[in-house]
C-alpha cells in the first residue's frame, strides 16, 4: 500500500478493515446459506455509513475497534484512499444485489453475492484487495 502514498493524507487501520471484511463475509454467507436475502441490508447500511459519514461513525467498525483495543491488538495504518474506494465498491455491490432481489431476479442476486463473497474472502484470508490493486489506475481516470 505504501507505493500509493501520498494520494490521500488519511490512514486507516488495516486490521479494523480486515475484521470488518470478516463481518461482511459472515453476513453475506449467512444470507446465502440460511436463504435470508434481506441480510444484505445490514451490509448496505454499514457500507452507506462508512462511505457517507466515515469509518468512525459505523457502529460495526466502532464495535470492532473497541474489541481490537480490548484484545490489545496493535494497529497497522495504511493509506485510506484505496480502502475508501473499496468501501464504495462494496456499497455498489450491496445496492446491486438489493436491486436484483427487489426486481425478483434471485439467481442474479445470488451470483453477484457469490462474487462479493469471493472478493471479501480474498481480503480476509489473503489480505488481497482487488479494488486497492486497481486503485492507482482508477485514480488516474478520476475515480476516487
C-alpha atoms as a PDB file:
ATOM      1  CA  UNK A   1       0.000   0.000   0.000  1.00  0.00           C
ATOM      2  CA  UNK A   2       2.875   2.384   0.660  1.00  0.00           C
ATOM      3  CA  UNK A   3       3.577   2.825  -3.058  1.00  0.00           C
ATOM      4  CA  UNK A   4       0.281   4.740  -3.396  1.00  0.00           C
ATOM      5  CA  UNK A   5       1.154   7.374  -0.785  1.00  0.00           C
ATOM      6  CA  UNK A   6       0.501  10.248  -0.535  1.00  0.00           C
ATOM      7  CA  UNK A   7      -2.636  10.044  -2.683  1.00  0.00           C
ATOM      8  CA  UNK A   8      -4.661  10.884   0.419  1.00  0.00           C
ATOM      9  CA  UNK A   9      -3.390  12.095   3.768  1.00  0.00           C
ATOM     10  CA  UNK A  10      -5.755   9.895   5.781  1.00  0.00           C
ATOM     11  CA  UNK A  11      -4.785   6.491   7.074  1.00  0.00           C
ATOM     12  CA  UNK A  12      -6.891   3.578   8.225  1.00  0.00           C
ATOM     13  CA  UNK A  13      -6.156   0.574  10.427  1.00  0.00           C
ATOM     14  CA  UNK A  14      -5.865  -2.415   8.131  1.00  0.00           C
ATOM     15  CA  UNK A  15      -6.734  -4.797  10.978  1.00  0.00           C
ATOM     16  CA  UNK A  16     -10.009  -2.947  11.507  1.00  0.00           C
ATOM     17  CA  UNK A  17     -10.734  -3.176   7.784  1.00  0.00           C
ATOM     18  CA  UNK A  18      -9.918  -6.891   7.735  1.00  0.00           C
ATOM     19  CA  UNK A  19     -12.159  -7.548  10.757  1.00  0.00           C
ATOM     20  CA  UNK A  20     -14.956  -5.582   9.099  1.00  0.00           C
ATOM     21  CA  UNK A  21     -14.448  -7.631   5.930  1.00  0.00           C
ATOM     22  CA  UNK A  22     -14.870 -10.762   8.066  1.00  0.00           C
ATOM     23  CA  UNK A  23     -18.162  -9.350   9.370  1.00  0.00           C
ATOM     24  CA  UNK A  24     -19.310  -8.707   5.782  1.00  0.00           C
ATOM     25  CA  UNK A  25     -18.208 -12.199   4.749  1.00  0.00           C
ATOM     26  CA  UNK A  26     -20.181 -13.778   7.593  1.00  0.00           C
ATOM     27  CA  UNK A  27     -23.333 -11.775   6.811  1.00  0.00           C
ATOM     28  CA  UNK A  28     -23.133 -12.481   3.060  1.00  0.00           C
ATOM     29  CA  UNK A  29     -22.509 -16.184   3.651  1.00  0.00           C
ATOM     30  CA  UNK A  30     -25.375 -16.380   6.147  1.00  0.00           C
ATOM     31  CA  UNK A  31     -27.596 -14.639   3.622  1.00  0.00           C
ATOM     32  CA  UNK A  32     -26.960 -17.400   1.092  1.00  0.00           C
ATOM     33  CA  UNK A  33     -26.718 -20.416   3.402  1.00  0.00           C
ATOM     34  CA  UNK A  34     -29.749 -19.533   5.509  1.00  0.00           C
ATOM     35  CA  UNK A  35     -31.649 -18.200   2.494  1.00  0.00           C
ATOM     36  CA  UNK A  36     -32.301 -14.846   4.138  1.00  0.00           C
ATOM     37  CA  UNK A  37     -31.616 -12.380   1.326  1.00  0.00           C
ATOM     38  CA  UNK A  38     -32.671  -9.415   3.448  1.00  0.00           C
ATOM     39  CA  UNK A  39     -29.427  -9.738   5.457  1.00  0.00           C
ATOM     40  CA  UNK A  40     -27.736  -7.805   2.654  1.00  0.00           C
ATOM     41  CA  UNK A  41     -29.464  -4.699   4.048  1.00  0.00           C
ATOM     42  CA  UNK A  42     -27.180  -4.898   7.109  1.00  0.00           C
ATOM     43  CA  UNK A  43     -24.148  -4.813   4.832  1.00  0.00           C
ATOM     44  CA  UNK A  44     -25.620  -1.998   2.736  1.00  0.00           C
ATOM     45  CA  UNK A  45     -26.364   0.143   5.799  1.00  0.00           C
ATOM     46  CA  UNK A  46     -22.851  -0.355   7.193  1.00  0.00           C
ATOM     47  CA  UNK A  47     -21.221   0.493   3.846  1.00  0.00           C
ATOM     48  CA  UNK A  48     -23.510   3.537   3.492  1.00  0.00           C
ATOM     49  CA  UNK A  49     -22.453   4.859   6.886  1.00  0.00           C
ATOM     50  CA  UNK A  50     -18.763   4.230   6.144  1.00  0.00           C
ATOM     51  CA  UNK A  51     -18.904   5.839   2.698  1.00  0.00           C
ATOM     52  CA  UNK A  52     -21.017   8.890   3.565  1.00  0.00           C
ATOM     53  CA  UNK A  53     -20.107   9.513   7.219  1.00  0.00           C
ATOM     54  CA  UNK A  54     -16.728   7.815   7.716  1.00  0.00           C
ATOM     55  CA  UNK A  55     -15.445   4.638   9.302  1.00  0.00           C
ATOM     56  CA  UNK A  56     -15.535   6.195  12.778  1.00  0.00           C
ATOM     57  CA  UNK A  57     -19.332   6.578  12.557  1.00  0.00           C
ATOM     58  CA  UNK A  58     -20.056   2.973  11.608  1.00  0.00           C
ATOM     59  CA  UNK A  59     -21.497   1.054  14.587  1.00  0.00           C
ATOM     60  CA  UNK A  60     -19.909  -2.145  13.270  1.00  0.00           C
ATOM     61  CA  UNK A  61     -16.488  -0.500  12.979  1.00  0.00           C
ATOM     62  CA  UNK A  62     -16.860   1.038  16.438  1.00  0.00           C
ATOM     63  CA  UNK A  63     -17.558  -2.355  17.976  1.00  0.00           C
ATOM     64  CA  UNK A  64     -14.657  -3.924  16.086  1.00  0.00           C
ATOM     65  CA  UNK A  65     -12.308  -1.066  17.018  1.00  0.00           C
ATOM     66  CA  UNK A  66     -13.174  -1.364  20.712  1.00  0.00           C
ATOM     67  CA  UNK A  67     -12.773  -5.137  20.533  1.00  0.00           C
ATOM     68  CA  UNK A  68      -9.319  -4.788  18.961  1.00  0.00           C
ATOM     69  CA  UNK A  69      -8.314  -2.358  21.729  1.00  0.00           C
ATOM     70  CA  UNK A  70      -9.603  -4.680  24.457  1.00  0.00           C
ATOM     71  CA  UNK A  71      -7.643  -7.558  22.899  1.00  0.00           C
ATOM     72  CA  UNK A  72      -4.614  -5.237  22.753  1.00  0.00           C
ATOM     73  CA  UNK A  73      -4.143  -5.791  19.025  1.00  0.00           C
ATOM     74  CA  UNK A  74      -1.765  -3.210  17.618  1.00  0.00           C
ATOM     75  CA  UNK A  75      -2.956  -1.039  14.754  1.00  0.00           C
ATOM     76  CA  UNK A  76      -1.316  -1.156  11.336  1.00  0.00           C
ATOM     77  CA  UNK A  77      -2.068   2.033   9.424  1.00  0.00           C
ATOM     78  CA  UNK A  78      -2.216   2.173   5.620  1.00  0.00           C
ATOM     79  CA  UNK A  79      -3.275   4.787   3.098  1.00  0.00           C
ATOM     80  CA  UNK A  80      -7.050   5.219   3.315  1.00  0.00           C
ATOM     81  CA  UNK A  81      -7.597   6.113  -0.355  1.00  0.00           C
ATOM     82  CA  UNK A  82      -7.749   2.578  -1.751  1.00  0.00           C
ATOM     83  CA  UNK A  83      -9.767   1.306   1.214  1.00  0.00           C
ATOM     84  CA  UNK A  84     -12.299   4.135   0.854  1.00  0.00           C
ATOM     85  CA  UNK A  85     -12.760   3.256  -2.803  1.00  0.00           C
ATOM     86  CA  UNK A  86     -13.158  -0.417  -1.865  1.00  0.00           C
ATOM     87  CA  UNK A  87     -15.944   0.599   0.553  1.00  0.00           C
ATOM     88  CA  UNK A  88     -17.664   2.446  -2.305  1.00  0.00           C
ATOM     89  CA  UNK A  89     -17.446  -0.696  -4.428  1.00  0.00           C
ATOM     90  CA  UNK A  90     -18.872  -2.700  -1.502  1.00  0.00           C
ATOM     91  CA  UNK A  91     -21.744  -0.258  -1.277  1.00  0.00           C
ATOM     92  CA  UNK A  92     -22.331  -0.564  -5.024  1.00  0.00           C
ATOM     93  CA  UNK A  93     -22.307  -4.378  -4.806  1.00  0.00           C
ATOM     94  CA  UNK A  94     -24.803  -4.200  -1.934  1.00  0.00           C
ATOM     95  CA  UNK A  95     -27.174  -1.928  -3.849  1.00  0.00           C
ATOM     96  CA  UNK A  96     -26.903  -4.037  -6.998  1.00  0.00           C
ATOM     97  CA  UNK A  97     -27.754  -7.180  -5.036  1.00  0.00           C
ATOM     98  CA  UNK A  98     -30.713  -5.445  -3.391  1.00  0.00           C
ATOM     99  CA  UNK A  99     -31.875  -4.160  -6.779  1.00  0.00           C
ATOM    100  CA  UNK A 100     -31.917  -7.649  -8.299  1.00  0.00           C
ATOM    101  CA  UNK A 101     -33.680  -9.042  -5.230  1.00  0.00           C
ATOM    102  CA  UNK A 102     -36.373  -6.370  -5.491  1.00  0.00           C
ATOM    103  CA  UNK A 103     -36.742  -6.930  -9.239  1.00  0.00           C
ATOM    104  CA  UNK A 104     -37.338 -10.622  -8.490  1.00  0.00           C
ATOM    105  CA  UNK A 105     -34.145 -11.906 -10.118  1.00  0.00           C
ATOM    106  CA  UNK A 106     -32.908 -14.015  -7.193  1.00  0.00           C
ATOM    107  CA  UNK A 107     -30.433 -16.038  -9.261  1.00  0.00           C
ATOM    108  CA  UNK A 108     -28.671 -12.897 -10.475  1.00  0.00           C
ATOM    109  CA  UNK A 109     -28.585 -11.591  -6.893  1.00  0.00           C
ATOM    110  CA  UNK A 110     -27.102 -14.898  -5.720  1.00  0.00           C
ATOM    111  CA  UNK A 111     -24.381 -14.838  -8.393  1.00  0.00           C
ATOM    112  CA  UNK A 112     -23.415 -11.252  -7.535  1.00  0.00           C
ATOM    113  CA  UNK A 113     -23.441 -12.145  -3.831  1.00  0.00           C
ATOM    114  CA  UNK A 114     -21.088 -15.050  -4.557  1.00  0.00           C
ATOM    115  CA  UNK A 115     -18.696 -12.741  -6.420  1.00  0.00           C
ATOM    116  CA  UNK A 116     -18.877 -10.319  -3.462  1.00  0.00           C
ATOM    117  CA  UNK A 117     -18.103 -13.215  -1.099  1.00  0.00           C
ATOM    118  CA  UNK A 118     -15.048 -14.237  -3.128  1.00  0.00           C
ATOM    119  CA  UNK A 119     -13.691 -10.684  -3.211  1.00  0.00           C
ATOM    120  CA  UNK A 120     -14.302 -10.261   0.512  1.00  0.00           C
ATOM    121  CA  UNK A 121     -12.701 -13.634   1.294  1.00  0.00           C
ATOM    122  CA  UNK A 122      -9.579 -12.551  -0.609  1.00  0.00           C
ATOM    123  CA  UNK A 123      -9.264  -9.599   1.784  1.00  0.00           C
ATOM    124  CA  UNK A 124      -9.989 -11.664   4.892  1.00  0.00           C
ATOM    125  CA  UNK A 125      -7.778 -14.677   4.186  1.00  0.00           C
ATOM    126  CA  UNK A 126      -5.044 -13.326   1.904  1.00  0.00           C
ATOM    127  CA  UNK A 127      -5.039  -9.560   2.623  1.00  0.00           C
ATOM    128  CA  UNK A 128      -5.669  -9.022  -1.083  1.00  0.00           C
ATOM    129  CA  UNK A 129      -7.940  -6.154  -2.036  1.00  0.00           C
ATOM    130  CA  UNK A 130      -8.729  -6.183  -5.761  1.00  0.00           C
ATOM    131  CA  UNK A 131     -10.032  -2.609  -5.751  1.00  0.00           C
ATOM    132  CA  UNK A 132      -6.904  -1.478  -3.876  1.00  0.00           C
ATOM    133  CA  UNK A 133      -4.780  -3.131  -6.557  1.00  0.00           C
ATOM    134  CA  UNK A 134      -6.501  -1.266  -9.388  1.00  0.00           C
ATOM    135  CA  UNK A 135      -6.850   1.954  -7.361  1.00  0.00           C
ATOM    136  CA  UNK A 136      -3.868   3.755  -8.975  1.00  0.00           C
ATOM    137  CA  UNK A 137      -5.334   3.179 -12.441  1.00  0.00           C
ATOM    138  CA  UNK A 138      -8.830   4.222 -11.387  1.00  0.00           C
ATOM    139  CA  UNK A 139      -7.364   7.260  -9.647  1.00  0.00           C
ATOM    140  CA  UNK A 140      -5.653   8.334 -12.888  1.00  0.00           C
ATOM    141  CA  UNK A 141      -9.002   8.432 -14.679  1.00  0.00           C
ATOM    142  CA  UNK A 142     -10.667  10.309 -11.841  1.00  0.00           C
ATOM    143  CA  UNK A 143     -12.413   7.513  -9.937  1.00  0.00           C
ATOM    144  CA  UNK A 144     -11.672   8.008  -6.233  1.00  0.00           C
END
